[in-house]
Amino acid sequence: MDKVNLAAKFGLLDDYWSPRIVGELNQQYVKLVKLKGEFVWHHHEAEDELFLVVRGRLTIRLRGQDVVLKEGEFLIVPRGVEHQPVAEEEAHVLLFEPRSTLNTGNVQSERTLDKLARI
């Protein structure tokens, strides 16, 4: 068993909106990602998605409301709920989701990642 230092792992990330796998349990991935700007509106048909803000601030836009997450806060977006993550400044976010979760959900775009790297 190896412990994971989040600050050190975030230090390895050079780009935005490109999650990296840092752990796995019960067929779920623990991913780290740096975010800045707006992501695409999307939803996940079969998977819930957890966003935990480690550093910075993240807004999850939902149809009809925005949820602002500060450091130490998380939100679980249920499957089927359309959402758009937005980070006005750089944010460091931990994601917890099933291995089958595609980062852009039901949308194919230049930000769609078919394969994720481990760090």
PDB file of N, CA and C in Angstrom:
ATOM      1  N   MET A   1       0.845  -1.177   0.000  1.00  0.00           N
ATOM      2  CA  MET A   1       0.000   0.000   0.000  1.00  0.00           C
ATOM      3  C   MET A   1       0.887   1.235   0.000  1.00  0.00           C
ATOM      4  N   ASP A   2       0.543   2.166  -0.865  1.00  0.00           N
ATOM      5  CA  ASP A   2       1.282   3.419  -0.942  1.00  0.00           C
ATOM      6  C   ASP A   2       0.356   4.580  -0.621  1.00  0.00           C
ATOM      7  N   LYS A   3       0.848   5.503   0.195  1.00  0.00           N
ATOM      8  CA  LYS A   3       0.058   6.698   0.456  1.00  0.00           C
ATOM      9  C   LYS A   3       0.208   7.646  -0.726  1.00  0.00           C
ATOM     10  N   VAL A   4      -0.748   8.559  -0.853  1.00  0.00           N
ATOM     11  CA  VAL A   4      -0.753   9.528  -1.949  1.00  0.00           C
ATOM     12  C   VAL A   4      -0.708  10.925  -1.358  1.00  0.00           C
ATOM     13  N   ASN A   5       0.245  11.721  -1.814  1.00  0.00           N
ATOM     14  CA  ASN A   5       0.334  13.113  -1.400  1.00  0.00           C
ATOM     15  C   ASN A   5      -0.321  13.953  -2.496  1.00  0.00           C
ATOM     16  N   LEU A   6      -1.462  14.545  -2.187  1.00  0.00           N
ATOM     17  CA  LEU A   6      -2.220  15.282  -3.198  1.00  0.00           C
ATOM     18  C   LEU A   6      -1.444  16.455  -3.776  1.00  0.00           C
ATOM     19  N   ALA A   7      -0.768  17.220  -2.930  1.00  0.00           N
ATOM     20  CA  ALA A   7      -0.012  18.378  -3.429  1.00  0.00           C
ATOM     21  C   ALA A   7       1.064  17.942  -4.410  1.00  0.00           C
ATOM     22  N   ALA A   8       1.776  16.869  -4.090  1.00  0.00           N
ATOM     23  CA  ALA A   8       2.819  16.374  -4.990  1.00  0.00           C
ATOM     24  C   ALA A   8       2.222  15.903  -6.315  1.00  0.00           C
ATOM     25  N   LYS A   9       1.109  15.202  -6.254  1.00  0.00           N
ATOM     26  CA  LYS A   9       0.468  14.710  -7.480  1.00  0.00           C
ATOM     27  C   LYS A   9      -0.062  15.868  -8.325  1.00  0.00           C
ATOM     28  N   PHE A  10      -0.690  16.861  -7.678  1.00  0.00           N
ATOM     29  CA  PHE A  10      -1.159  18.016  -8.449  1.00  0.00           C
ATOM     30  C   PHE A  10       0.014  18.732  -9.106  1.00  0.00           C
ATOM     31  N   GLY A  11       1.185  18.708  -8.472  1.00  0.00           N
ATOM     32  CA  GLY A  11       2.378  19.323  -9.028  1.00  0.00           C
ATOM     33  C   GLY A  11       2.842  18.674 -10.323  1.00  0.00           C
ATOM     34  N   LEU A  12       2.405  17.446 -10.576  1.00  0.00           N
ATOM     35  CA  LEU A  12       2.753  16.740 -11.811  1.00  0.00           C
ATOM     36  C   LEU A  12       1.841  17.094 -12.977  1.00  0.00           C
ATOM     37  N   LEU A  13       0.740  17.765 -12.695  1.00  0.00           N
ATOM     38  CA  LEU A  13      -0.234  18.094 -13.751  1.00  0.00           C
ATOM     39  C   LEU A  13       0.134  19.418 -14.413  1.00  0.00           C
ATOM     40  N   ASP A  14       0.275  19.385 -15.729  1.00  0.00           N
ATOM     41  CA  ASP A  14       0.658  20.580 -16.486  1.00  0.00           C
ATOM     42  C   ASP A  14      -0.492  21.211 -17.259  1.00  0.00           C
ATOM     43  N   ASP A  15      -1.552  20.449 -17.506  1.00  0.00           N
ATOM     44  CA  ASP A  15      -2.618  20.968 -18.348  1.00  0.00           C
ATOM     45  C   ASP A  15      -3.954  20.931 -17.620  1.00  0.00           C
ATOM     46  N   TYR A  16      -4.894  21.673 -18.153  1.00  0.00           N
ATOM     47  CA  TYR A  16      -6.231  21.751 -17.570  1.00  0.00           C
ATOM     48  C   TYR A  16      -7.165  20.760 -18.248  1.00  0.00           C
ATOM     49  N   TRP A  17      -8.199  20.337 -17.494  1.00  0.00           N
ATOM     50  CA  TRP A  17      -9.280  19.495 -17.995  1.00  0.00           C
ATOM     51  C   TRP A  17      -8.786  18.122 -18.471  1.00  0.00           C
ATOM     52  N   SER A  18      -7.692  17.658 -17.906  1.00  0.00           N
ATOM     53  CA  SER A  18      -7.125  16.367 -18.292  1.00  0.00           C
ATOM     54  C   SER A  18      -6.895  15.521 -17.036  1.00  0.00           C
ATOM     55  N   PRO A  19      -7.937  14.834 -16.566  1.00  0.00           N
ATOM     56  CA  PRO A  19      -7.823  14.069 -15.314  1.00  0.00           C
ATOM     57  C   PRO A  19      -6.769  12.968 -15.410  1.00  0.00           C
ATOM     58  N   ARG A  20      -6.150  12.681 -14.263  1.00  0.00           N
ATOM     59  CA  ARG A  20      -5.183  11.595 -14.148  1.00  0.00           C
ATOM     60  C   ARG A  20      -5.614  10.697 -12.990  1.00  0.00           C
ATOM     61  N   ILE A  21      -5.413   9.414 -13.151  1.00  0.00           N
ATOM     62  CA  ILE A  21      -5.798   8.436 -12.142  1.00  0.00           C
ATOM     63  C   ILE A  21      -4.719   8.369 -11.059  1.00  0.00           C
ATOM     64  N   VAL A  22      -5.151   8.480  -9.791  1.00  0.00           N
ATOM     65  CA  VAL A  22      -4.215   8.358  -8.677  1.00  0.00           C
ATOM     66  C   VAL A  22      -4.566   7.206  -7.737  1.00  0.00           C
ATOM     67  N   GLY A  23      -5.700   6.570  -7.981  1.00  0.00           N
ATOM     68  CA  GLY A  23      -6.102   5.439  -7.149  1.00  0.00           C
ATOM     69  C   GLY A  23      -7.303   4.733  -7.732  1.00  0.00           C
ATOM     70  N   GLU A  24      -7.556   3.548  -7.194  1.00  0.00           N
ATOM     71  CA  GLU A  24      -8.686   2.752  -7.661  1.00  0.00           C
ATOM     72  C   GLU A  24      -9.207   1.915  -6.502  1.00  0.00           C
ATOM     73  N   LEU A  25     -10.515   1.886  -6.338  1.00  0.00           N
ATOM     74  CA  LEU A  25     -11.128   1.025  -5.344  1.00  0.00           C
ATOM     75  C   LEU A  25     -12.541   0.674  -5.763  1.00  0.00           C
ATOM     76  N   ASN A  26     -12.906  -0.565  -5.552  1.00  0.00           N
ATOM     77  CA  ASN A  26     -14.264  -1.036  -5.845  1.00  0.00           C
ATOM     78  C   ASN A  26     -14.751  -0.607  -7.225  1.00  0.00           C
ATOM     79  N   GLN A  27     -13.917  -0.790  -8.233  1.00  0.00           N
ATOM     80  CA  GLN A  27     -14.233  -0.448  -9.616  1.00  0.00           C
ATOM     81  C   GLN A  27     -14.514   1.042  -9.810  1.00  0.00           C
ATOM     82  N   GLN A  28     -13.936   1.855  -8.940  1.00  0.00           N
ATOM     83  CA  GLN A  28     -14.040   3.308  -9.032  1.00  0.00           C
ATOM     84  C   GLN A  28     -12.632   3.883  -9.168  1.00  0.00           C
ATOM     85  N   TYR A  29     -12.512   4.961  -9.922  1.00  0.00           N
ATOM     86  CA  TYR A  29     -11.250   5.663 -10.013  1.00  0.00           C
ATOM     87  C   TYR A  29     -11.268   6.889  -9.105  1.00  0.00           C
ATOM     88  N   VAL A  30     -10.118   7.177  -8.508  1.00  0.00           N
ATOM     89  CA  VAL A  30      -9.875   8.449  -7.848  1.00  0.00           C
ATOM     90  C   VAL A  30      -8.984   9.207  -8.825  1.00  0.00           C
ATOM     91  N   LYS A  31      -9.462  10.381  -9.265  1.00  0.00           N
ATOM     92  CA  LYS A  31      -8.751  11.155 -10.279  1.00  0.00           C
ATOM     93  C   LYS A  31      -8.447  12.547  -9.750  1.00  0.00           C
ATOM     94  N   LEU A  32      -7.349  13.114 -10.229  1.00  0.00           N
ATOM     95  CA  LEU A  32      -7.020  14.505  -9.938  1.00  0.00           C
ATOM     96  C   LEU A  32      -7.025  15.268 -11.246  1.00  0.00           C
ATOM     97  N   VAL A  33      -7.469  16.529 -11.175  1.00  0.00           N
ATOM     98  CA  VAL A  33      -7.517  17.355 -12.373  1.00  0.00           C
ATOM     99  C   VAL A  33      -7.371  18.819 -11.977  1.00  0.00           C
ATOM    100  N   LYS A  34      -6.657  19.557 -12.809  1.00  0.00           N
ATOM    101  CA  LYS A  34      -6.607  21.010 -12.665  1.00  0.00           C
ATOM    102  C   LYS A  34      -7.615  21.583 -13.653  1.00  0.00           C
ATOM    103  N   LEU A  35      -8.399  22.543 -13.177  1.00  0.00           N
ATOM    104  CA  LEU A  35      -9.440  23.138 -14.010  1.00  0.00           C
ATOM    105  C   LEU A  35      -9.250  24.640 -14.106  1.00  0.00           C
ATOM    106  N   LYS A  36      -9.532  25.179 -15.275  1.00  0.00           N
ATOM    107  CA  LYS A  36      -9.553  26.629 -15.456  1.00  0.00           C
ATOM    108  C   LYS A  36     -10.376  26.915 -16.706  1.00  0.00           C
ATOM    109  N   GLY A  37     -11.348  27.825 -16.564  1.00  0.00           N
ATOM    110  CA  GLY A  37     -12.234  28.150 -17.667  1.00  0.00           C
ATOM    111  C   GLY A  37     -13.516  27.335 -17.596  1.00  0.00           C
ATOM    112  N   GLU A  38     -14.170  27.213 -18.740  1.00  0.00           N
ATOM    113  CA  GLU A  38     -15.444  26.490 -18.817  1.00  0.00           C
ATOM    114  C   GLU A  38     -15.256  25.145 -19.504  1.00  0.00           C
ATOM    115  N   PHE A  39     -15.962  24.145 -19.009  1.00  0.00           N
ATOM    116  CA  PHE A  39     -15.999  22.838 -19.648  1.00  0.00           C
ATOM    117  C   PHE A  39     -17.289  22.755 -20.467  1.00  0.00           C
ATOM    118  N   VAL A  40     -17.490  21.664 -21.149  1.00  0.00           N
ATOM    119  CA  VAL A  40     -18.693  21.491 -21.968  1.00  0.00           C
ATOM    120  C   VAL A  40     -19.877  21.077 -21.096  1.00  0.00           C
ATOM    121  N   TRP A  41     -21.076  21.485 -21.495  1.00  0.00           N
ATOM    122  CA  TRP A  41     -22.283  20.971 -20.870  1.00  0.00           C
ATOM    123  C   TRP A  41     -22.383  19.499 -21.244  1.00  0.00           C
ATOM    124  N   HIS A  42     -22.685  18.645 -20.263  1.00  0.00           N
ATOM    125  CA  HIS A  42     -22.794  17.214 -20.527  1.00  0.00           C
ATOM    126  C   HIS A  42     -23.518  16.531 -19.372  1.00  0.00           C
ATOM    127  N   HIS A  43     -23.815  15.262 -19.567  1.00  0.00           N
ATOM    128  CA  HIS A  43     -24.335  14.438 -18.479  1.00  0.00           C
ATOM    129  C   HIS A  43     -23.780  13.021 -18.649  1.00  0.00           C
ATOM    130  N   HIS A  44     -23.939  12.228 -17.617  1.00  0.00           N
ATOM    131  CA  HIS A  44     -23.496  10.841 -17.641  1.00  0.00           C
ATOM    132  C   HIS A  44     -24.723   9.961 -17.452  1.00  0.00           C
ATOM    133  N   GLU A  45     -24.989   9.113 -18.434  1.00  0.00           N
ATOM    134  CA  GLU A  45     -26.187   8.270 -18.400  1.00  0.00           C
ATOM    135  C   GLU A  45     -26.211   7.316 -17.209  1.00  0.00           C
ATOM    136  N   ALA A  46     -25.066   6.700 -16.914  1.00  0.00           N
ATOM    137  CA  ALA A  46     -25.073   5.599 -15.954  1.00  0.00           C
ATOM    138  C   ALA A  46     -24.240   5.843 -14.706  1.00  0.00           C
ATOM    139  N   GLU A  47     -23.563   6.988 -14.607  1.00  0.00           N
ATOM    140  CA  GLU A  47     -22.646   7.189 -13.491  1.00  0.00           C
ATOM    141  C   GLU A  47     -22.924   8.487 -12.742  1.00  0.00           C
ATOM    142  N   ASP A  48     -22.823   8.406 -11.412  1.00  0.00           N
ATOM    143  CA  ASP A  48     -22.780   9.605 -10.579  1.00  0.00           C
ATOM    144  C   ASP A  48     -21.338  10.102 -10.608  1.00  0.00           C
ATOM    145  N   GLU A  49     -21.148  11.387 -10.290  1.00  0.00           N
ATOM    146  CA  GLU A  49     -19.815  11.971 -10.352  1.00  0.00           C
ATOM    147  C   GLU A  49     -19.599  12.860  -9.127  1.00  0.00           C
ATOM    148  N   LEU A  50     -18.487  12.645  -8.406  1.00  0.00           N
ATOM    149  CA  LEU A  50     -18.169  13.443  -7.230  1.00  0.00           C
ATOM    150  C   LEU A  50     -17.058  14.420  -7.572  1.00  0.00           C
ATOM    151  N   PHE A  51     -17.269  15.698  -7.266  1.00  0.00           N
ATOM    152  CA  PHE A  51     -16.273  16.761  -7.417  1.00  0.00           C
ATOM    153  C   PHE A  51     -15.909  17.250  -6.021  1.00  0.00           C
ATOM    154  N   LEU A  52     -14.641  17.105  -5.615  1.00  0.00           N
ATOM    155  CA  LEU A  52     -14.145  17.590  -4.327  1.00  0.00           C
ATOM    156  C   LEU A  52     -13.077  18.638  -4.609  1.00  0.00           C
ATOM    157  N   VAL A  53     -13.305  19.850  -4.156  1.00  0.00           N
ATOM    158  CA  VAL A  53     -12.354  20.933  -4.396  1.00  0.00           C
ATOM    159  C   VAL A  53     -11.262  20.887  -3.332  1.00  0.00           C
ATOM    160  N   VAL A  54     -10.031  20.680  -3.784  1.00  0.00           N
ATOM    161  CA  VAL A  54      -8.874  20.638  -2.898  1.00  0.00           C
ATOM    162  C   VAL A  54      -8.275  22.031  -2.771  1.00  0.00           C
ATOM    163  N   ARG A  55      -8.235  22.760  -3.886  1.00  0.00           N
ATOM    164  CA  ARG A  55      -7.709  24.133  -3.876  1.00  0.00           C
ATOM    165  C   ARG A  55      -8.497  24.973  -4.872  1.00  0.00           C
ATOM    166  N   GLY A  56      -8.788  26.205  -4.490  1.00  0.00           N
ATOM    167  CA  GLY A  56      -9.497  27.112  -5.380  1.00  0.00           C
ATOM    168  C   GLY A  56     -11.001  27.054  -5.199  1.00  0.00           C
ATOM    169  N   ARG A  57     -11.696  27.352  -6.277  1.00  0.00           N
ATOM    170  CA  ARG A  57     -13.159  27.424  -6.286  1.00  0.00           C
ATOM    171  C   ARG A  57     -13.671  26.834  -7.579  1.00  0.00           C
ATOM    172  N   LEU A  58     -14.782  26.151  -7.524  1.00  0.00           N
ATOM    173  CA  LEU A  58     -15.376  25.536  -8.700  1.00  0.00           C
ATOM    174  C   LEU A  58     -16.876  25.782  -8.680  1.00  0.00           C
ATOM    175  N   THR A  59     -17.399  26.208  -9.807  1.00  0.00           N
ATOM    176  CA  THR A  59     -18.850  26.336  -9.952  1.00  0.00           C
ATOM    177  C   THR A  59     -19.341  25.192 -10.815  1.00  0.00           C
ATOM    178  N   ILE A  60     -20.363  24.501 -10.351  1.00  0.00           N
ATOM    179  CA  ILE A  60     -21.030  23.488 -11.162  1.00  0.00           C
ATOM    180  C   ILE A  60     -22.343  24.109 -11.604  1.00  0.00           C
ATOM    181  N   ARG A  61     -22.416  24.419 -12.885  1.00  0.00           N
ATOM    182  CA  ARG A  61     -23.658  24.965 -13.436  1.00  0.00           C
ATOM    183  C   ARG A  61     -24.617  23.817 -13.711  1.00  0.00           C
ATOM    184  N   LEU A  62     -25.827  23.999 -13.252  1.00  0.00           N
ATOM    185  CA  LEU A  62     -26.915  23.064 -13.507  1.00  0.00           C
ATOM    186  C   LEU A  62     -28.002  23.860 -14.201  1.00  0.00           C
ATOM    187  N   ARG A  63     -28.866  23.212 -14.915  1.00  0.00           N
ATOM    188  CA  ARG A  63     -29.976  23.934 -15.537  1.00  0.00           C
ATOM    189  C   ARG A  63     -30.859  24.467 -14.416  1.00  0.00           C
ATOM    190  N   GLY A  64     -30.858  25.784 -14.244  1.00  0.00           N
ATOM    191  CA  GLY A  64     -31.696  26.391 -13.221  1.00  0.00           C
ATOM    192  C   GLY A  64     -30.971  26.839 -11.969  1.00  0.00           C
ATOM    193  N   GLN A  65     -29.717  26.451 -11.772  1.00  0.00           N
ATOM    194  CA  GLN A  65     -28.980  26.909 -10.595  1.00  0.00           C
ATOM    195  C   GLN A  65     -27.488  26.659 -10.764  1.00  0.00           C
ATOM    196  N   ASP A  66     -26.697  27.412 -10.020  1.00  0.00           N
ATOM    197  CA  ASP A  66     -25.257  27.215  -9.946  1.00  0.00           C
ATOM    198  C   ASP A  66     -24.910  26.804  -8.524  1.00  0.00           C
ATOM    199  N   VAL A  67     -23.997  25.847  -8.388  1.00  0.00           N
ATOM    200  CA  VAL A  67     -23.514  25.431  -7.079  1.00  0.00           C
ATOM    201  C   VAL A  67     -22.036  25.798  -7.012  1.00  0.00           C
ATOM    202  N   VAL A  68     -21.678  26.662  -6.060  1.00  0.00           N
ATOM    203  CA  VAL A  68     -20.298  27.104  -5.903  1.00  0.00           C
ATOM    204  C   VAL A  68     -19.644  26.266  -4.814  1.00  0.00           C
ATOM    205  N   LEU A  69     -18.520  25.643  -5.170  1.00  0.00           N
ATOM    206  CA  LEU A  69     -17.772  24.809  -4.235  1.00  0.00           C
ATOM    207  C   LEU A  69     -16.467  25.503  -3.876  1.00  0.00           C
ATOM    208  N   LYS A  70     -16.204  25.613  -2.578  1.00  0.00           N
ATOM    209  CA  LYS A  70     -14.949  26.179  -2.085  1.00  0.00           C
ATOM    210  C   LYS A  70     -14.063  25.039  -1.602  1.00  0.00           C
ATOM    211  N   GLU A  71     -12.836  25.378  -1.252  1.00  0.00           N
ATOM    212  CA  GLU A  71     -11.900  24.357  -0.771  1.00  0.00           C
ATOM    213  C   GLU A  71     -12.524  23.533   0.337  1.00  0.00           C
ATOM    214  N   GLY A  72     -12.374  22.221   0.215  1.00  0.00           N
ATOM    215  CA  GLY A  72     -12.897  21.310   1.229  1.00  0.00           C
ATOM    216  C   GLY A  72     -14.353  20.925   1.028  1.00  0.00           C
ATOM    217  N   GLU A  73     -14.997  21.428  -0.013  1.00  0.00           N
ATOM    218  CA  GLU A  73     -16.401  21.097  -0.270  1.00  0.00           C
ATOM    219  C   GLU A  73     -16.503  20.176  -1.487  1.00  0.00           C
ATOM    220  N   PHE A  74     -17.557  19.355  -1.477  1.00  0.00           N
ATOM    221  CA  PHE A  74     -17.788  18.501  -2.631  1.00  0.00           C
ATOM    222  C   PHE A  74     -19.252  18.471  -2.999  1.00  0.00           C
ATOM    223  N   LEU A  75     -19.483  18.030  -4.223  1.00  0.00           N
ATOM    224  CA  LEU A  75     -20.838  17.876  -4.752  1.00  0.00           C
ATOM    225  C   LEU A  75     -20.885  16.577  -5.529  1.00  0.00           C
ATOM    226  N   ILE A  76     -21.953  15.833  -5.351  1.00  0.00           N
ATOM    227  CA  ILE A  76     -22.195  14.643  -6.157  1.00  0.00           C
ATOM    228  C   ILE A  76     -23.263  15.005  -7.178  1.00  0.00           C
ATOM    229  N   VAL A  77     -22.897  14.902  -8.451  1.00  0.00           N
ATOM    230  CA  VAL A  77     -23.844  15.140  -9.535  1.00  0.00           C
ATOM    231  C   VAL A  77     -24.433  13.778  -9.915  1.00  0.00           C
ATOM    232  N   PRO A  78     -25.736  13.597  -9.706  1.00  0.00           N
ATOM    233  CA  PRO A  78     -26.341  12.303 -10.017  1.00  0.00           C
ATOM    234  C   PRO A  78     -26.349  12.016 -11.522  1.00  0.00           C
ATOM    235  N   ARG A  79     -26.325  10.752 -11.850  1.00  0.00           N
ATOM    236  CA  ARG A  79     -26.405  10.338 -13.253  1.00  0.00           C
ATOM    237  C   ARG A  79     -27.604  10.984 -13.932  1.00  0.00           C
ATOM    238  N   GLY A  80     -27.407  11.352 -15.179  1.00  0.00           N
ATOM    239  CA  GLY A  80     -28.486  11.933 -15.963  1.00  0.00           C
ATOM    240  C   GLY A  80     -28.663  13.433 -15.801  1.00  0.00           C
ATOM    241  N   VAL A  81     -27.973  14.053 -14.836  1.00  0.00           N
ATOM    242  CA  VAL A  81     -28.126  15.494 -14.597  1.00  0.00           C
ATOM    243  C   VAL A  81     -27.109  16.264 -15.442  1.00  0.00           C
ATOM    244  N   GLU A  82     -27.612  17.127 -16.320  1.00  0.00           N
ATOM    245  CA  GLU A  82     -26.733  17.922 -17.162  1.00  0.00           C
ATOM    246  C   GLU A  82     -26.021  18.972 -16.308  1.00  0.00           C
ATOM    247  N   HIS A  83     -24.718  19.112 -16.547  1.00  0.00           N
ATOM    248  CA  HIS A  83     -23.924  20.041 -15.743  1.00  0.00           C
ATOM    249  C   HIS A  83     -22.756  20.576 -16.563  1.00  0.00           C
ATOM    250  N   GLN A  84     -22.215  21.700 -16.075  1.00  0.00           N
ATOM    251  CA  GLN A  84     -21.053  22.321 -16.699  1.00  0.00           C
ATOM    252  C   GLN A  84     -20.131  22.831 -15.592  1.00  0.00           C
ATOM    253  N   PRO A  85     -18.967  22.201 -15.419  1.00  0.00           N
ATOM    254  CA  PRO A  85     -17.992  22.724 -14.457  1.00  0.00           C
ATOM    255  C   PRO A  85     -17.329  23.995 -15.005  1.00  0.00           C
ATOM    256  N   VAL A  86     -17.143  24.982 -14.112  1.00  0.00           N
ATOM    257  CA  VAL A  86     -16.513  26.246 -14.485  1.00  0.00           C
ATOM    258  C   VAL A  86     -15.578  26.667 -13.350  1.00  0.00           C
ATOM    259  N   ALA A  87     -14.335  26.998 -13.715  1.00  0.00           N
ATOM    260  CA  ALA A  87     -13.367  27.508 -12.733  1.00  0.00           C
ATOM    261  C   ALA A  87     -12.806  28.810 -13.278  1.00  0.00           C
ATOM    262  N   GLU A  88     -13.170  29.928 -12.655  1.00  0.00           N
ATOM    263  CA  GLU A  88     -12.691  31.221 -13.136  1.00  0.00           C
ATOM    264  C   GLU A  88     -11.189  31.363 -12.942  1.00  0.00           C
ATOM    265  N   GLU A  89     -10.675  30.811 -11.859  1.00  0.00           N
ATOM    266  CA  GLU A  89      -9.234  30.741 -11.593  1.00  0.00           C
ATOM    267  C   GLU A  89      -8.877  29.267 -11.475  1.00  0.00           C
ATOM    268  N   GLU A  90      -7.599  28.968 -11.498  1.00  0.00           N
ATOM    269  CA  GLU A  90      -7.190  27.566 -11.406  1.00  0.00           C
ATOM    270  C   GLU A  90      -7.751  26.903 -10.159  1.00  0.00           C
ATOM    271  N   ALA A  91      -8.317  25.722 -10.335  1.00  0.00           N
ATOM    272  CA  ALA A  91      -8.835  24.927  -9.222  1.00  0.00           C
ATOM    273  C   ALA A  91      -8.244  23.527  -9.306  1.00  0.00           C
ATOM    274  N   HIS A  92      -7.965  22.951  -8.147  1.00  0.00           N
ATOM    275  CA  HIS A  92      -7.478  21.580  -8.064  1.00  0.00           C
ATOM    276  C   HIS A  92      -8.633  20.741  -7.520  1.00  0.00           C
ATOM    277  N   VAL A  93      -9.010  19.719  -8.278  1.00  0.00           N
ATOM    278  CA  VAL A  93     -10.220  18.961  -7.958  1.00  0.00           C
ATOM    279  C   VAL A  93      -9.927  17.461  -7.958  1.00  0.00           C
ATOM    280  N   LEU A  94     -10.476  16.787  -6.962  1.00  0.00           N
ATOM    281  CA  LEU A  94     -10.440  15.336  -6.891  1.00  0.00           C
ATOM    282  C   LEU A  94     -11.782  14.834  -7.387  1.00  0.00           C
ATOM    283  N   LEU A  95     -11.744  13.879  -8.296  1.00  0.00           N
ATOM    284  CA  LEU A  95     -12.953  13.262  -8.830  1.00  0.00           C
ATOM    285  C   LEU A  95     -13.017  11.821  -8.351  1.00  0.00           C
ATOM    286  N   PHE A  96     -14.196  11.381  -8.024  1.00  0.00           N
ATOM    287  CA  PHE A  96     -14.398   9.987  -7.641  1.00  0.00           C
ATOM    288  C   PHE A  96     -15.564   9.488  -8.470  1.00  0.00           C
ATOM    289  N   GLU A  97     -15.296   8.490  -9.323  1.00  0.00           N
ATOM    290  CA  GLU A  97     -16.334   8.042 -10.255  1.00  0.00           C
ATOM    291  C   GLU A  97     -16.018   6.646 -10.772  1.00  0.00           C
ATOM    292  N   PRO A  98     -17.033   5.955 -11.301  1.00  0.00           N
ATOM    293  CA  PRO A  98     -16.802   4.622 -11.860  1.00  0.00           C
ATOM    294  C   PRO A  98     -15.770   4.644 -12.987  1.00  0.00           C
ATOM    295  N   ARG A  99     -15.079   3.523 -13.159  1.00  0.00           N
ATOM    296  CA  ARG A  99     -14.062   3.427 -14.212  1.00  0.00           C
ATOM    297  C   ARG A  99     -14.632   3.715 -15.591  1.00  0.00           C
ATOM    298  N   SER A 100     -15.898   3.444 -15.799  1.00  0.00           N
ATOM    299  CA  SER A 100     -16.519   3.616 -17.119  1.00  0.00           C
ATOM    300  C   SER A 100     -16.830   5.073 -17.466  1.00  0.00           C
ATOM    301  N   THR A 101     -16.654   5.987 -16.525  1.00  0.00           N
ATOM    302  CA  THR A 101     -17.047   7.377 -16.737  1.00  0.00           C
ATOM    303  C   THR A 101     -16.140   8.069 -17.754  1.00  0.00           C
ATOM    304  N   LEU A 102     -16.736   8.571 -18.816  1.00  0.00           N
ATOM    305  CA  LEU A 102     -16.029   9.363 -19.821  1.00  0.00           C
ATOM    306  C   LEU A 102     -16.106  10.820 -19.386  1.00  0.00           C
ATOM    307  N   ASN A 103     -15.001  11.532 -19.435  1.00  0.00           N
ATOM    308  CA  ASN A 103     -14.955  12.889 -18.873  1.00  0.00           C
ATOM    309  C   ASN A 103     -15.993  13.839 -19.472  1.00  0.00           C
ATOM    310  N   THR A 104     -16.346  13.663 -20.738  1.00  0.00           N
ATOM    311  CA  THR A 104     -17.332  14.535 -21.370  1.00  0.00           C
ATOM    312  C   THR A 104     -18.709  13.874 -21.467  1.00  0.00           C
ATOM    313  N   GLY A 105     -18.888  12.762 -20.781  1.00  0.00           N
ATOM    314  CA  GLY A 105     -20.194  12.107 -20.733  1.00  0.00           C
ATOM    315  C   GLY A 105     -20.775  11.809 -22.104  1.00  0.00           C
ATOM    316  N   ASN A 106     -21.940  12.368 -22.367  1.00  0.00           N
ATOM    317  CA  ASN A 106     -22.670  12.105 -23.611  1.00  0.00           C
ATOM    318  C   ASN A 106     -22.206  12.965 -24.776  1.00  0.00           C
ATOM    319  N   VAL A 107     -21.199  13.811 -24.575  1.00  0.00           N
ATOM    320  CA  VAL A 107     -20.744  14.754 -25.604  1.00  0.00           C
ATOM    321  C   VAL A 107     -19.346  14.351 -26.081  1.00  0.00           C
ATOM    322  N   GLN A 108     -19.152  14.331 -27.379  1.00  0.00           N
ATOM    323  CA  GLN A 108     -17.821  14.136 -27.954  1.00  0.00           C
ATOM    324  C   GLN A 108     -17.289  15.505 -28.358  1.00  0.00           C
ATOM    325  N   SER A 109     -16.091  15.841 -27.871  1.00  0.00           N
ATOM    326  CA  SER A 109     -15.488  17.124 -28.214  1.00  0.00           C
ATOM    327  C   SER A 109     -13.973  16.979 -28.195  1.00  0.00           C
ATOM    328  N   GLU A 110     -13.284  18.065 -28.458  1.00  0.00           N
ATOM    329  CA  GLU A 110     -11.821  18.038 -28.422  1.00  0.00           C
ATOM    330  C   GLU A 110     -11.301  17.755 -27.014  1.00  0.00           C
ATOM    331  N   ARG A 111     -12.151  17.867 -26.018  1.00  0.00           N
ATOM    332  CA  ARG A 111     -11.738  17.610 -24.630  1.00  0.00           C
ATOM    333  C   ARG A 111     -12.030  16.168 -24.190  1.00  0.00           C
ATOM    334  N   THR A 112     -12.658  15.378 -25.052  1.00  0.00           N
ATOM    335  CA  THR A 112     -12.955  13.995 -24.710  1.00  0.00           C
ATOM    336  C   THR A 112     -11.671  13.191 -24.609  1.00  0.00           C
ATOM    337  N   LEU A 113     -11.512  12.484 -23.490  1.00  0.00           N
ATOM    338  CA  LEU A 113     -10.332  11.642 -23.271  1.00  0.00           C
ATOM    339  C   LEU A 113     -10.786  10.192 -23.226  1.00  0.00           C
ATOM    340  N   ASP A 114     -10.354   9.403 -24.205  1.00  0.00           N
ATOM    341  CA  ASP A 114     -10.720   7.993 -24.252  1.00  0.00           C
ATOM    342  C   ASP A 114      -9.905   7.158 -23.269  1.00  0.00           C
ATOM    343  N   LYS A 115      -8.674   7.573 -23.034  1.00  0.00           N
ATOM    344  CA  LYS A 115      -7.785   6.864 -22.117  1.00  0.00           C
ATOM    345  C   LYS A 115      -7.194   7.844 -21.130  1.00  0.00           C
ATOM    346  N   LEU A 116      -7.124   7.441 -19.875  1.00  0.00           N
ATOM    347  CA  LEU A 116      -6.537   8.282 -18.843  1.00  0.00           C
ATOM    348  C   LEU A 116      -5.219   7.694 -18.377  1.00  0.00           C
ATOM    349  N   ALA A 117      -4.274   8.558 -18.108  1.00  0.00           N
ATOM    350  CA  ALA A 117      -2.970   8.121 -17.593  1.00  0.00           C
ATOM    351  C   ALA A 117      -3.020   8.066 -16.072  1.00  0.00           C
ATOM    352  N   ARG A 118      -2.151   7.254 -15.524  1.00  0.00           N
ATOM    353  CA  ARG A 118      -1.953   7.202 -14.066  1.00  0.00           C
ATOM    354  C   ARG A 118      -0.746   8.056 -13.710  1.00  0.00           C
ATOM    355  N   ILE A 119      -0.837   8.704 -12.567  1.00  0.00           N
ATOM    356  CA  ILE A 119       0.336   9.423 -12.075  1.00  0.00           C
ATOM    357  C   ILE A 119       0.632   8.966 -10.660  1.00  0.00           C
TER     358      ILE A 119
END
